[in-house]
Amino acid sequence: MRTPIRVPELGIEQPIRLTLWLVPPGARVMEGERIVELLCGPAVVDVPAPAQGVLEQILVPEDHPVQVGQVVGWLAVEG
């Protein structure tokens, strides 16, 4: 089963940029583990893994703009 990794609602009206993937594709992650770093104005926001699994696919590369709700990657989860 696949679970999307989405840009969360940040409550800020500024452009959002995906600045850094903290884990590479193929890496196993725990639910809640930081996996993506976003830049929103002067603030850096960490996005946690929505479930335990393996980072299957990165859809948005580093240093690219993103929008709230956008799927930036996929996790492969068991079950």
PDB file of N, CA and C in Angstrom:
ATOM      1  N   MET A   1       0.841  -1.170   0.000  1.00  0.00           N
ATOM      2  CA  MET A   1       0.000   0.000   0.000  1.00  0.00           C
ATOM      3  C   MET A   1       0.894   1.245   0.000  1.00  0.00           C
ATOM      4  N   ARG A   2       0.423   2.293  -0.633  1.00  0.00           N
ATOM      5  CA  ARG A   2       1.185   3.546  -0.706  1.00  0.00           C
ATOM      6  C   ARG A   2       0.475   4.621   0.094  1.00  0.00           C
ATOM      7  N   THR A   3       1.257   5.434   0.777  1.00  0.00           N
ATOM      8  CA  THR A   3       0.732   6.564   1.536  1.00  0.00           C
ATOM      9  C   THR A   3       1.405   7.835   1.027  1.00  0.00           C
ATOM     10  N   PRO A   4       0.608   8.866   0.714  1.00  0.00           N
ATOM     11  CA  PRO A   4       1.215  10.101   0.209  1.00  0.00           C
ATOM     12  C   PRO A   4       1.880  10.912   1.323  1.00  0.00           C
ATOM     13  N   ILE A   5       2.929  11.601   0.954  1.00  0.00           N
ATOM     14  CA  ILE A   5       3.565  12.582   1.831  1.00  0.00           C
ATOM     15  C   ILE A   5       3.123  13.934   1.292  1.00  0.00           C
ATOM     16  N   ARG A   6       2.365  14.679   2.100  1.00  0.00           N
ATOM     17  CA  ARG A   6       1.768  15.942   1.646  1.00  0.00           C
ATOM     18  C   ARG A   6       2.347  17.139   2.400  1.00  0.00           C
ATOM     19  N   VAL A   7       2.309  18.284   1.744  1.00  0.00           N
ATOM     20  CA  VAL A   7       2.674  19.543   2.390  1.00  0.00           C
ATOM     21  C   VAL A   7       1.526  19.895   3.350  1.00  0.00           C
ATOM     22  N   PRO A   8       1.828  20.068   4.631  1.00  0.00           N
ATOM     23  CA  PRO A   8       0.757  20.358   5.594  1.00  0.00           C
ATOM     24  C   PRO A   8       0.264  21.801   5.509  1.00  0.00           C
ATOM     25  N   GLU A   9      -0.904  22.033   6.074  1.00  0.00           N
ATOM     26  CA  GLU A   9      -1.434  23.394   6.215  1.00  0.00           C
ATOM     27  C   GLU A   9      -0.562  24.104   7.239  1.00  0.00           C
ATOM     28  N   LEU A  10       0.035  25.211   6.844  1.00  0.00           N
ATOM     29  CA  LEU A  10       0.970  25.914   7.723  1.00  0.00           C
ATOM     30  C   LEU A  10       0.375  27.184   8.312  1.00  0.00           C
ATOM     31  N   GLY A  11      -0.760  27.633   7.782  1.00  0.00           N
ATOM     32  CA  GLY A  11      -1.404  28.832   8.304  1.00  0.00           C
ATOM     33  C   GLY A  11      -0.638  30.109   8.023  1.00  0.00           C
ATOM     34  N   ILE A  12       0.212  30.073   7.018  1.00  0.00           N
ATOM     35  CA  ILE A  12       1.026  31.236   6.661  1.00  0.00           C
ATOM     36  C   ILE A  12       0.791  31.523   5.185  1.00  0.00           C
ATOM     37  N   GLU A  13       0.632  32.780   4.848  1.00  0.00           N
ATOM     38  CA  GLU A  13       0.356  33.173   3.464  1.00  0.00           C
ATOM     39  C   GLU A  13       1.634  33.549   2.707  1.00  0.00           C
ATOM     40  N   GLN A  14       2.664  32.754   2.822  1.00  0.00           N
ATOM     41  CA  GLN A  14       3.910  33.017   2.113  1.00  0.00           C
ATOM     42  C   GLN A  14       4.232  31.830   1.222  1.00  0.00           C
ATOM     43  N   PRO A  15       5.044  32.042   0.188  1.00  0.00           N
ATOM     44  CA  PRO A  15       5.451  30.906  -0.658  1.00  0.00           C
ATOM     45  C   PRO A  15       6.175  29.853   0.174  1.00  0.00           C
ATOM     46  N   ILE A  16       6.006  28.609  -0.218  1.00  0.00           N
ATOM     47  CA  ILE A  16       6.632  27.480   0.472  1.00  0.00           C
ATOM     48  C   ILE A  16       7.599  26.826  -0.501  1.00  0.00           C
ATOM     49  N   ARG A  17       8.779  26.471  -0.004  1.00  0.00           N
ATOM     50  CA  ARG A  17       9.795  25.832  -0.838  1.00  0.00           C
ATOM     51  C   ARG A  17      10.264  24.570  -0.128  1.00  0.00           C
ATOM     52  N   LEU A  18      10.289  23.462  -0.862  1.00  0.00           N
ATOM     53  CA  LEU A  18      10.861  22.232  -0.342  1.00  0.00           C
ATOM     54  C   LEU A  18      12.373  22.383  -0.443  1.00  0.00           C
ATOM     55  N   THR A  19      13.037  22.418   0.703  1.00  0.00           N
ATOM     56  CA  THR A  19      14.472  22.695   0.687  1.00  0.00           C
ATOM     57  C   THR A  19      15.348  21.455   0.828  1.00  0.00           C
ATOM     58  N   LEU A  20      14.846  20.415   1.527  1.00  0.00           N
ATOM     59  CA  LEU A  20      15.729  19.284   1.804  1.00  0.00           C
ATOM     60  C   LEU A  20      14.941  18.015   2.104  1.00  0.00           C
ATOM     61  N   TRP A  21      15.319  16.927   1.448  1.00  0.00           N
ATOM     62  CA  TRP A  21      14.846  15.596   1.823  1.00  0.00           C
ATOM     63  C   TRP A  21      15.832  15.072   2.866  1.00  0.00           C
ATOM     64  N   LEU A  22      15.338  14.691   4.016  1.00  0.00           N
ATOM     65  CA  LEU A  22      16.198  14.247   5.113  1.00  0.00           C
ATOM     66  C   LEU A  22      16.522  12.760   5.043  1.00  0.00           C
ATOM     67  N   VAL A  23      15.810  12.021   4.199  1.00  0.00           N
ATOM     68  CA  VAL A  23      16.095  10.591   3.991  1.00  0.00           C
ATOM     69  C   VAL A  23      16.100  10.310   2.488  1.00  0.00           C
ATOM     70  N   PRO A  24      16.891   9.358   2.041  1.00  0.00           N
ATOM     71  CA  PRO A  24      16.946   9.032   0.611  1.00  0.00           C
ATOM     72  C   PRO A  24      15.861   8.018   0.239  1.00  0.00           C
ATOM     73  N   PRO A  25      15.521   7.921  -1.037  1.00  0.00           N
ATOM     74  CA  PRO A  25      14.601   6.873  -1.478  1.00  0.00           C
ATOM     75  C   PRO A  25      15.150   5.505  -1.073  1.00  0.00           C
ATOM     76  N   GLY A  26      14.241   4.640  -0.646  1.00  0.00           N
ATOM     77  CA  GLY A  26      14.641   3.301  -0.201  1.00  0.00           C
ATOM     78  C   GLY A  26      14.892   3.217   1.294  1.00  0.00           C
ATOM     79  N   ALA A  27      14.945   4.366   1.974  1.00  0.00           N
ATOM     80  CA  ALA A  27      15.204   4.367   3.414  1.00  0.00           C
ATOM     81  C   ALA A  27      13.933   4.017   4.186  1.00  0.00           C
ATOM     82  N   ARG A  28      14.094   3.251   5.250  1.00  0.00           N
ATOM     83  CA  ARG A  28      12.979   2.913   6.138  1.00  0.00           C
ATOM     84  C   ARG A  28      12.814   4.054   7.138  1.00  0.00           C
ATOM     85  N   VAL A  29      11.559   4.462   7.367  1.00  0.00           N
ATOM     86  CA  VAL A  29      11.272   5.547   8.304  1.00  0.00           C
ATOM     87  C   VAL A  29      10.199   5.112   9.291  1.00  0.00           C
ATOM     88  N   MET A  30      10.215   5.736  10.459  1.00  0.00           N
ATOM     89  CA  MET A  30       9.208   5.500  11.484  1.00  0.00           C
ATOM     90  C   MET A  30       8.146   6.591  11.390  1.00  0.00           C
ATOM     91  N   GLU A  31       6.927   6.279  11.758  1.00  0.00           N
ATOM     92  CA  GLU A  31       5.878   7.292  11.781  1.00  0.00           C
ATOM     93  C   GLU A  31       6.308   8.444  12.684  1.00  0.00           C
ATOM     94  N   GLY A  32       6.164   9.662  12.198  1.00  0.00           N
ATOM     95  CA  GLY A  32       6.549  10.846  12.963  1.00  0.00           C
ATOM     96  C   GLY A  32       7.983  11.288  12.768  1.00  0.00           C
ATOM     97  N   GLU A  33       8.799  10.464  12.116  1.00  0.00           N
ATOM     98  CA  GLU A  33      10.195  10.827  11.852  1.00  0.00           C
ATOM     99  C   GLU A  33      10.252  11.959  10.824  1.00  0.00           C
ATOM    100  N   ARG A  34      11.129  12.914  11.049  1.00  0.00           N
ATOM    101  CA  ARG A  34      11.290  14.033  10.103  1.00  0.00           C
ATOM    102  C   ARG A  34      11.837  13.495   8.790  1.00  0.00           C
ATOM    103  N   ILE A  35      11.138  13.830   7.679  1.00  0.00           N
ATOM    104  CA  ILE A  35      11.613  13.333   6.386  1.00  0.00           C
ATOM    105  C   ILE A  35      11.810  14.429   5.349  1.00  0.00           C
ATOM    106  N   VAL A  36      11.127  15.563   5.515  1.00  0.00           N
ATOM    107  CA  VAL A  36      11.217  16.659   4.550  1.00  0.00           C
ATOM    108  C   VAL A  36      11.329  17.973   5.311  1.00  0.00           C
ATOM    109  N   GLU A  37      12.115  18.886   4.764  1.00  0.00           N
ATOM    110  CA  GLU A  37      12.259  20.227   5.343  1.00  0.00           C
ATOM    111  C   GLU A  37      11.685  21.240   4.352  1.00  0.00           C
ATOM    112  N   LEU A  38      10.819  22.120   4.859  1.00  0.00           N
ATOM    113  CA  LEU A  38      10.214  23.171   4.042  1.00  0.00           C
ATOM    114  C   LEU A  38      10.660  24.527   4.553  1.00  0.00           C
ATOM    115  N   LEU A  39      10.746  25.489   3.654  1.00  0.00           N
ATOM    116  CA  LEU A  39      11.048  26.863   4.029  1.00  0.00           C
ATOM    117  C   LEU A  39       9.822  27.706   3.704  1.00  0.00           C
ATOM    118  N   CYS A  40       9.326  28.394   4.721  1.00  0.00           N
ATOM    119  CA  CYS A  40       8.139  29.231   4.561  1.00  0.00           C
ATOM    120  C   CYS A  40       8.461  30.580   5.185  1.00  0.00           C
ATOM    121  N   GLY A  41       8.843  31.544   4.325  1.00  0.00           N
ATOM    122  CA  GLY A  41       9.318  32.820   4.848  1.00  0.00           C
ATOM    123  C   GLY A  41      10.614  32.576   5.592  1.00  0.00           C
ATOM    124  N   PRO A  42      10.726  33.106   6.809  1.00  0.00           N
ATOM    125  CA  PRO A  42      11.953  32.885   7.579  1.00  0.00           C
ATOM    126  C   PRO A  42      11.937  31.569   8.373  1.00  0.00           C
ATOM    127  N   ALA A  43      10.803  30.868   8.371  1.00  0.00           N
ATOM    128  CA  ALA A  43      10.663  29.659   9.194  1.00  0.00           C
ATOM    129  C   ALA A  43      10.995  28.389   8.412  1.00  0.00           C
ATOM    130  N   VAL A  44      11.684  27.476   9.078  1.00  0.00           N
ATOM    131  CA  VAL A  44      11.939  26.146   8.544  1.00  0.00           C
ATOM    132  C   VAL A  44      10.967  25.198   9.240  1.00  0.00           C
ATOM    133  N   VAL A  45      10.241  24.414   8.443  1.00  0.00           N
ATOM    134  CA  VAL A  45       9.229  23.504   8.979  1.00  0.00           C
ATOM    135  C   VAL A  45       9.593  22.082   8.572  1.00  0.00           C
ATOM    136  N   ASP A  46       9.613  21.183   9.548  1.00  0.00           N
ATOM    137  CA  ASP A  46       9.875  19.773   9.277  1.00  0.00           C
ATOM    138  C   ASP A  46       8.557  19.056   9.041  1.00  0.00           C
ATOM    139  N   VAL A  47       8.523  18.184   8.039  1.00  0.00           N
ATOM    140  CA  VAL A  47       7.346  17.372   7.758  1.00  0.00           C
ATOM    141  C   VAL A  47       7.648  15.951   8.232  1.00  0.00           C
ATOM    142  N   PRO A  48       6.799  15.409   9.120  1.00  0.00           N
ATOM    143  CA  PRO A  48       7.031  14.048   9.612  1.00  0.00           C
ATOM    144  C   PRO A  48       6.451  13.000   8.667  1.00  0.00           C
ATOM    145  N   ALA A  49       6.979  11.797   8.765  1.00  0.00           N
ATOM    146  CA  ALA A  49       6.432  10.676   8.007  1.00  0.00           C
ATOM    147  C   ALA A  49       5.021  10.394   8.507  1.00  0.00           C
ATOM    148  N   PRO A  50       4.051  10.245   7.594  1.00  0.00           N
ATOM    149  CA  PRO A  50       2.673  10.001   8.019  1.00  0.00           C
ATOM    150  C   PRO A  50       2.431   8.569   8.508  1.00  0.00           C
ATOM    151  N   ALA A  51       3.384   7.675   8.253  1.00  0.00           N
ATOM    152  CA  ALA A  51       3.262   6.269   8.661  1.00  0.00           C
ATOM    153  C   ALA A  51       4.652   5.651   8.664  1.00  0.00           C
ATOM    154  N   GLN A  52       4.747   4.448   9.204  1.00  0.00           N
ATOM    155  CA  GLN A  52       6.004   3.696   9.145  1.00  0.00           C
ATOM    156  C   GLN A  52       6.085   3.023   7.786  1.00  0.00           C
ATOM    157  N   GLY A  53       7.237   3.062   7.167  1.00  0.00           N
ATOM    158  CA  GLY A  53       7.395   2.414   5.869  1.00  0.00           C
ATOM    159  C   GLY A  53       8.720   2.756   5.224  1.00  0.00           C
ATOM    160  N   VAL A  54       8.751   2.666   3.905  1.00  0.00           N
ATOM    161  CA  VAL A  54       9.951   2.931   3.118  1.00  0.00           C
ATOM    162  C   VAL A  54       9.645   4.087   2.167  1.00  0.00           C
ATOM    163  N   LEU A  55      10.555   5.063   2.116  1.00  0.00           N
ATOM    164  CA  LEU A  55      10.391   6.159   1.166  1.00  0.00           C
ATOM    165  C   LEU A  55      10.534   5.577  -0.233  1.00  0.00           C
ATOM    166  N   GLU A  56       9.404   5.467  -0.909  1.00  0.00           N
ATOM    167  CA  GLU A  56       9.361   4.798  -2.209  1.00  0.00           C
ATOM    168  C   GLU A  56       9.712   5.727  -3.366  1.00  0.00           C
ATOM    169  N   GLN A  57       9.185   6.957  -3.310  1.00  0.00           N
ATOM    170  CA  GLN A  57       9.364   7.842  -4.455  1.00  0.00           C
ATOM    171  C   GLN A  57       9.342   9.295  -4.014  1.00  0.00           C
ATOM    172  N   ILE A  58      10.262  10.079  -4.555  1.00  0.00           N
ATOM    173  CA  ILE A  58      10.285  11.533  -4.357  1.00  0.00           C
ATOM    174  C   ILE A  58       9.709  12.159  -5.616  1.00  0.00           C
ATOM    175  N   LEU A  59       8.659  12.967  -5.461  1.00  0.00           N
ATOM    176  CA  LEU A  59       8.019  13.614  -6.603  1.00  0.00           C
ATOM    177  C   LEU A  59       8.518  15.035  -6.834  1.00  0.00           C
ATOM    178  N   VAL A  60       8.925  15.706  -5.751  1.00  0.00           N
ATOM    179  CA  VAL A  60       9.388  17.096  -5.848  1.00  0.00           C
ATOM    180  C   VAL A  60      10.839  17.142  -5.381  1.00  0.00           C
ATOM    181  N   PRO A  61      11.746  17.563  -6.235  1.00  0.00           N
ATOM    182  CA  PRO A  61      13.151  17.636  -5.830  1.00  0.00           C
ATOM    183  C   PRO A  61      13.411  18.810  -4.895  1.00  0.00           C
ATOM    184  N   GLU A  62      14.570  18.803  -4.297  1.00  0.00           N
ATOM    185  CA  GLU A  62      14.967  19.886  -3.391  1.00  0.00           C
ATOM    186  C   GLU A  62      15.019  21.219  -4.121  1.00  0.00           C
ATOM    187  N   ASP A  63      14.753  22.269  -3.358  1.00  0.00           N
ATOM    188  CA  ASP A  63      14.806  23.658  -3.836  1.00  0.00           C
ATOM    189  C   ASP A  63      13.749  23.958  -4.905  1.00  0.00           C
ATOM    190  N   HIS A  64      12.549  23.388  -4.719  1.00  0.00           N
ATOM    191  CA  HIS A  64      11.430  23.667  -5.615  1.00  0.00           C
ATOM    192  C   HIS A  64      10.230  24.158  -4.814  1.00  0.00           C
ATOM    193  N   PRO A  65       9.418  25.043  -5.411  1.00  0.00           N
ATOM    194  CA  PRO A  65       8.223  25.525  -4.723  1.00  0.00           C
ATOM    195  C   PRO A  65       7.165  24.431  -4.625  1.00  0.00           C
ATOM    196  N   VAL A  66       6.387  24.482  -3.542  1.00  0.00           N
ATOM    197  CA  VAL A  66       5.290  23.540  -3.324  1.00  0.00           C
ATOM    198  C   VAL A  66       4.087  24.309  -2.781  1.00  0.00           C
ATOM    199  N   GLN A  67       2.930  23.641  -2.758  1.00  0.00           N
ATOM    200  CA  GLN A  67       1.719  24.251  -2.244  1.00  0.00           C
ATOM    201  C   GLN A  67       1.111  23.361  -1.172  1.00  0.00           C
ATOM    202  N   VAL A  68       0.332  23.963  -0.288  1.00  0.00           N
ATOM    203  CA  VAL A  68      -0.352  23.219   0.768  1.00  0.00           C
ATOM    204  C   VAL A  68      -1.172  22.096   0.132  1.00  0.00           C
ATOM    205  N   GLY A  69      -1.057  20.903   0.693  1.00  0.00           N
ATOM    206  CA  GLY A  69      -1.801  19.750   0.213  1.00  0.00           C
ATOM    207  C   GLY A  69      -1.137  18.985  -0.915  1.00  0.00           C
ATOM    208  N   GLN A  70      -0.097  19.550  -1.498  1.00  0.00           N
ATOM    209  CA  GLN A  70       0.587  18.895  -2.621  1.00  0.00           C
ATOM    210  C   GLN A  70       1.279  17.622  -2.152  1.00  0.00           C
ATOM    211  N   VAL A  71       1.171  16.559  -2.948  1.00  0.00           N
ATOM    212  CA  VAL A  71       1.891  15.316  -2.672  1.00  0.00           C
ATOM    213  C   VAL A  71       3.315  15.491  -3.175  1.00  0.00           C
ATOM    214  N   VAL A  72       4.289  15.341  -2.258  1.00  0.00           N
ATOM    215  CA  VAL A  72       5.695  15.531  -2.622  1.00  0.00           C
ATOM    216  C   VAL A  72       6.462  14.216  -2.702  1.00  0.00           C
ATOM    217  N   GLY A  73       5.841  13.146  -2.210  1.00  0.00           N
ATOM    218  CA  GLY A  73       6.484  11.841  -2.244  1.00  0.00           C
ATOM    219  C   GLY A  73       5.525  10.756  -1.804  1.00  0.00           C
ATOM    220  N   TRP A  74       5.989   9.516  -1.905  1.00  0.00           N
ATOM    221  CA  TRP A  74       5.174   8.347  -1.528  1.00  0.00           C
ATOM    222  C   TRP A  74       5.950   7.438  -0.591  1.00  0.00           C
ATOM    223  N   LEU A  75       5.224   6.934   0.414  1.00  0.00           N
ATOM    224  CA  LEU A  75       5.757   5.919   1.308  1.00  0.00           C
ATOM    225  C   LEU A  75       5.127   4.578   0.968  1.00  0.00           C
ATOM    226  N   ALA A  76       5.917   3.533   0.938  1.00  0.00           N
ATOM    227  CA  ALA A  76       5.391   2.174   0.826  1.00  0.00           C
ATOM    228  C   ALA A  76       5.216   1.665   2.256  1.00  0.00           C
ATOM    229  N   VAL A  77       3.987   1.301   2.602  1.00  0.00           N
ATOM    230  CA  VAL A  77       3.698   0.825   3.950  1.00  0.00           C
ATOM    231  C   VAL A  77       3.134  -0.591   3.871  1.00  0.00           C
ATOM    232  N   GLU A  78       3.378  -1.365   4.915  1.00  0.00           N
ATOM    233  CA  GLU A  78       2.871  -2.725   4.959  1.00  0.00           C
ATOM    234  C   GLU A  78       1.433  -2.717   5.439  1.00  0.00           C
ATOM    235  N   GLY A  79       0.652  -3.668   4.923  1.00  0.00           N
ATOM    236  CA  GLY A  79      -0.733  -3.823   5.393  1.00  0.00           C
ATOM    237  C   GLY A  79      -1.684  -3.174   4.547  1.00  0.00           C
TER     238      GLY A  79
END
